[in-house]
Amino acid sequence: MIAPFAVLMLLLPLVLVAGVIWLVVWTNRRRRAFQLQRAGQVAAAGWYPVPPNQWLSQLAEGLFPQGSPGDPGETYAGEFNGRGLCVLDYNYVVSNGKTQSTHTANLVALTLPVALPPVTVMRETGLRRMFRGHHLQLENQQFNERFRVEVTDDRYGSAVMHPRMMECVLANPGLEWQLAGNAFISWSDGGFSVPDVFARLQAMTQLIDLIPPFVLRDYGGPVS
């Protein structure tokens, strides 16, 4: 006669395997449902698929240096308020030497009329204070405590980050962004969702409109 405990020990591996299988199936179904929903929203927005944007992928490598060089996922192009846009998923792998995990981020880019030197605006964290080095200190202490501005030319950075620009950044605290060439780029974790992209595009447009004309004139270069 087999003891109940022995039966339980025999069944436990089967239960665990069944649980893993169910989780994989459920995750795949959820991902598929998300992809189908997103495809419909992308089509309704008038965006169209394009080949992966290698330039944006290279920028993403700098934004997510903790991972190995990643791969661009689904990429779409379109237009928003008269500006060209590009949105893509970016997949990268993080390793601690023993295990690896795959992460997804997404990037949204709006075109600018000129190519500008890099400016990166990110939320401030303890780790960034320790490891990311120099950043621009501005006259708004609340802004300095919540955000960091990374730029190679402090005079240029101060011209971009004038008081109204800082107020707009503080009013959109979830947005991290970068000026890079003739693109204004924002990013967030996970695969992109169309409603989130539209909300970010509204904030991005506000910030682009706050770039002073003299910055475009004095620091802008030709679009390659």
Protein backbone atom coordinates (compact mmCIF):
# COMPACT_ATOMS: atom_id res chain seq x y z
CA MET A 1 0.00 0.00 0.00
CA ILE A 2 1.45 3.35 -1.05
CA ALA A 3 1.33 6.02 1.61
CA PRO A 4 -0.53 9.26 0.77
CA PHE A 5 2.70 11.23 1.20
CA ALA A 6 4.46 9.03 -1.35
CA VAL A 7 1.60 9.55 -3.81
CA LEU A 8 1.87 13.29 -3.28
CA MET A 9 5.59 13.20 -3.97
CA LEU A 10 4.98 11.24 -7.17
CA LEU A 11 2.31 13.69 -8.35
CA LEU A 12 4.16 16.86 -7.43
CA PRO A 13 6.54 16.86 -10.45
CA LEU A 14 3.57 16.29 -12.77
CA VAL A 15 1.70 19.19 -11.20
CA LEU A 16 4.74 21.43 -11.56
CA VAL A 17 5.20 20.47 -15.22
CA ALA A 18 1.51 21.03 -15.91
CA GLY A 19 1.74 24.42 -14.22
CA VAL A 20 4.71 25.47 -16.34
CA ILE A 21 2.94 24.34 -19.53
CA TRP A 22 -0.20 26.26 -18.57
CA LEU A 23 1.86 29.39 -17.83
CA VAL A 24 3.62 29.20 -21.21
CA VAL A 25 0.33 28.71 -23.06
CA TRP A 26 -1.35 31.54 -21.13
CA THR A 27 1.60 33.90 -21.75
CA ASN A 28 1.64 33.10 -25.48
CA ARG A 29 -2.11 33.65 -25.77
CA ARG A 30 -1.87 36.95 -23.92
CA ARG A 31 1.02 38.09 -26.12
CA ARG A 32 -0.87 37.09 -29.24
CA ALA A 33 -3.98 38.96 -28.10
CA PHE A 34 -1.88 42.05 -27.40
CA GLN A 35 -0.24 41.84 -30.83
CA LEU A 36 -3.60 41.50 -32.60
CA GLN A 37 -5.07 44.42 -30.67
CA ARG A 38 -1.99 46.54 -31.37
CA ALA A 39 -2.04 45.67 -35.07
CA GLY A 40 -5.60 47.00 -35.32
CA GLN A 41 -4.70 50.19 -33.45
CA VAL A 42 -1.59 50.72 -35.61
CA ALA A 43 -3.66 50.38 -38.78
CA ALA A 44 -6.29 52.80 -37.44
CA ALA A 45 -3.54 55.33 -36.66
CA GLY A 46 -2.31 55.17 -40.25
CA TRP A 47 1.13 53.88 -39.35
CA TYR A 48 2.85 51.40 -41.65
CA PRO A 49 5.57 48.78 -41.07
CA VAL A 50 9.11 49.66 -42.08
CA PRO A 51 12.47 47.86 -41.83
CA PRO A 52 14.14 48.12 -38.42
CA ASN A 53 15.79 51.49 -37.88
CA GLN A 54 19.43 50.72 -37.14
CA TRP A 55 20.21 54.30 -36.07
CA LEU A 56 17.51 54.20 -33.40
CA SER A 57 18.71 50.76 -32.33
CA GLN A 58 22.22 52.15 -31.85
CA LEU A 59 20.81 54.97 -29.74
CA ALA A 60 18.95 52.39 -27.65
CA GLU A 61 22.23 50.61 -26.93
CA GLY A 62 23.42 53.80 -25.23
CA LEU A 63 20.15 54.22 -23.34
CA PHE A 64 20.20 50.66 -22.00
CA PRO A 65 23.93 49.97 -21.46
CA GLN A 66 23.23 47.33 -18.82
CA GLY A 67 22.22 44.91 -21.57
CA SER A 68 24.03 43.36 -24.47
CA PRO A 69 23.50 45.02 -27.89
CA GLY A 70 19.89 44.27 -28.67
CA ASP A 71 17.67 43.72 -31.66
CA PRO A 72 14.95 45.99 -33.00
CA GLY A 73 11.49 44.45 -33.05
CA GLU A 74 8.38 45.66 -34.86
CA THR A 75 8.99 49.09 -36.37
CA TYR A 76 6.40 51.51 -37.75
CA ALA A 77 6.53 54.92 -39.39
CA GLY A 78 3.88 57.58 -39.83
CA GLU A 79 3.11 61.22 -39.12
CA PHE A 80 1.94 63.21 -36.13
CA ASN A 81 0.94 66.87 -36.36
CA GLY A 82 3.00 67.35 -39.50
CA ARG A 83 6.12 65.66 -38.13
CA GLY A 84 7.44 62.30 -39.22
CA LEU A 85 7.41 59.64 -36.53
CA CYS A 86 8.96 56.24 -35.95
CA VAL A 87 8.08 53.79 -33.19
CA LEU A 88 9.75 50.48 -32.46
CA ASP A 89 10.28 47.79 -29.88
CA TYR A 90 13.84 47.08 -28.76
CA ASN A 91 14.84 43.73 -27.22
CA TYR A 92 18.02 43.28 -25.20
CA VAL A 93 19.51 40.68 -22.86
CA VAL A 94 20.81 41.33 -19.34
CA SER A 95 23.23 38.84 -17.79
CA ASN A 96 24.76 38.64 -14.33
CA GLY A 97 27.27 36.01 -15.41
CA LYS A 98 25.08 33.11 -14.30
CA THR A 99 21.62 33.79 -15.67
CA GLN A 100 20.19 35.80 -18.52
CA SER A 101 16.90 37.63 -18.89
CA THR A 102 15.36 39.23 -21.96
CA HIS A 103 13.90 42.72 -21.68
CA THR A 104 11.86 44.86 -24.06
CA ALA A 105 11.77 48.63 -24.30
CA ASN A 106 10.20 50.89 -26.88
CA LEU A 107 11.33 54.08 -28.57
CA VAL A 108 9.27 56.84 -30.17
CA ALA A 109 10.93 59.42 -32.42
CA LEU A 110 9.64 62.65 -33.96
CA THR A 111 11.63 64.46 -36.63
CA LEU A 112 13.13 67.91 -36.13
CA PRO A 113 13.80 70.52 -38.83
CA VAL A 114 17.54 70.58 -38.02
CA ALA A 115 20.13 68.25 -36.48
CA LEU A 116 20.94 69.22 -32.88
CA PRO A 117 23.73 68.10 -30.52
CA PRO A 118 22.70 65.43 -27.98
CA VAL A 119 20.73 66.32 -24.85
CA THR A 120 19.41 63.55 -22.60
CA VAL A 121 16.80 64.15 -19.89
CA MET A 122 16.21 61.28 -17.44
CA ARG A 123 14.62 60.81 -14.06
CA GLU A 124 17.24 61.09 -11.33
CA THR A 125 17.98 57.97 -9.28
CA GLY A 126 20.61 56.98 -6.76
CA LEU A 127 22.30 54.61 -9.20
CA ARG A 128 22.49 57.27 -11.87
CA ARG A 129 24.03 59.70 -9.39
CA MET A 130 26.71 57.12 -8.62
CA PHE A 131 27.52 55.78 -12.07
CA ARG A 132 26.53 58.21 -14.83
CA GLY A 133 28.93 61.03 -13.99
CA HIS A 134 28.57 64.68 -14.95
CA HIS A 135 25.18 66.26 -15.52
CA LEU A 136 23.97 69.80 -15.91
CA GLN A 137 22.90 71.72 -12.79
CA LEU A 138 20.13 74.22 -13.45
CA GLU A 139 18.63 77.04 -11.39
CA ASN A 140 15.46 75.06 -10.54
CA GLN A 141 16.36 72.91 -7.51
CA GLN A 142 13.14 70.88 -7.69
CA PHE A 143 14.03 69.99 -11.27
CA ASN A 144 17.61 69.07 -10.31
CA GLU A 145 16.36 66.73 -7.59
CA ARG A 146 13.97 64.89 -9.91
CA PHE A 147 15.77 64.94 -13.27
CA ARG A 148 19.27 64.88 -14.69
CA VAL A 149 20.33 66.54 -17.93
CA GLU A 150 23.32 65.01 -19.69
CA VAL A 151 24.97 67.23 -22.29
CA THR A 152 28.54 67.90 -23.42
CA ASP A 153 28.07 71.68 -23.73
CA ASP A 154 26.58 73.26 -20.59
CA ARG A 155 25.85 76.54 -22.35
CA TYR A 156 23.88 74.74 -25.04
CA GLY A 157 22.12 72.59 -22.44
CA SER A 158 21.08 75.67 -20.46
CA ALA A 159 19.72 77.26 -23.63
CA VAL A 160 17.55 74.20 -24.30
CA MET A 161 16.48 73.73 -20.66
CA HIS A 162 15.08 77.21 -20.02
CA PRO A 163 12.49 77.74 -17.23
CA ARG A 164 9.41 76.98 -19.35
CA MET A 165 11.05 73.80 -20.67
CA MET A 166 11.78 72.65 -17.11
CA GLU A 167 8.18 73.39 -16.10
CA CYS A 168 6.92 71.26 -18.98
CA VAL A 169 9.26 68.40 -18.02
CA LEU A 170 8.04 68.56 -14.42
CA ALA A 171 4.44 68.47 -15.69
CA ASN A 172 5.24 65.23 -17.58
CA PRO A 173 7.32 63.35 -14.99
CA GLY A 174 6.97 59.96 -16.67
CA LEU A 175 8.69 61.10 -19.86
CA GLU A 176 12.40 60.51 -20.44
CA TRP A 177 13.77 61.87 -23.68
CA GLN A 178 16.74 62.75 -25.84
CA LEU A 179 17.57 65.17 -28.61
CA ALA A 180 19.73 63.28 -31.09
CA GLY A 181 20.43 64.63 -34.55
CA ASN A 182 17.19 65.59 -36.22
CA ALA A 183 15.07 63.47 -33.86
CA PHE A 184 13.34 63.98 -30.53
CA ILE A 185 13.18 60.54 -28.89
CA SER A 186 11.39 59.18 -25.84
CA TRP A 187 11.43 55.66 -24.42
CA SER A 188 9.76 53.42 -21.86
CA ASP A 189 9.82 49.82 -20.67
CA GLY A 190 7.87 47.07 -22.41
CA GLY A 191 6.46 46.78 -25.90
CA PHE A 192 4.80 49.95 -27.13
CA SER A 193 1.06 50.42 -26.89
CA VAL A 194 -0.64 52.83 -29.28
CA PRO A 195 -2.60 54.79 -26.59
CA ASP A 196 0.62 55.31 -24.60
CA VAL A 197 2.47 56.42 -27.73
CA PHE A 198 -0.21 59.01 -28.52
CA ALA A 199 -0.04 60.38 -24.96
CA ARG A 200 3.75 60.63 -25.23
CA LEU A 201 3.53 62.28 -28.66
CA GLN A 202 1.40 65.05 -27.17
CA ALA A 203 4.01 65.71 -24.47
CA MET A 204 6.88 65.40 -26.94
CA THR A 205 5.23 67.95 -29.23
CA GLN A 206 4.88 70.41 -26.34
CA LEU A 207 8.58 70.06 -25.55
CA ILE A 208 9.68 70.39 -29.19
CA ASP A 209 7.63 73.58 -29.52
CA LEU A 210 9.52 74.99 -26.50
CA ILE A 211 12.94 74.66 -28.15
CA PRO A 212 13.92 78.30 -28.70
CA PRO A 213 14.29 79.43 -32.32
CA PHE A 214 17.81 80.71 -31.61
CA VAL A 215 18.82 77.18 -30.49
CA LEU A 216 17.65 75.79 -33.82
CA ARG A 217 19.46 78.60 -35.63
CA ASP A 218 22.74 78.71 -33.67
CA TYR A 219 23.21 75.02 -32.81
CA GLY A 220 21.28 73.29 -35.56
CA GLY A 221 23.01 71.61 -38.48
CA PRO A 222 21.86 70.19 -41.79
CA VAL A 223 19.81 67.01 -41.76
CA SER A 224 21.82 64.17 -43.25
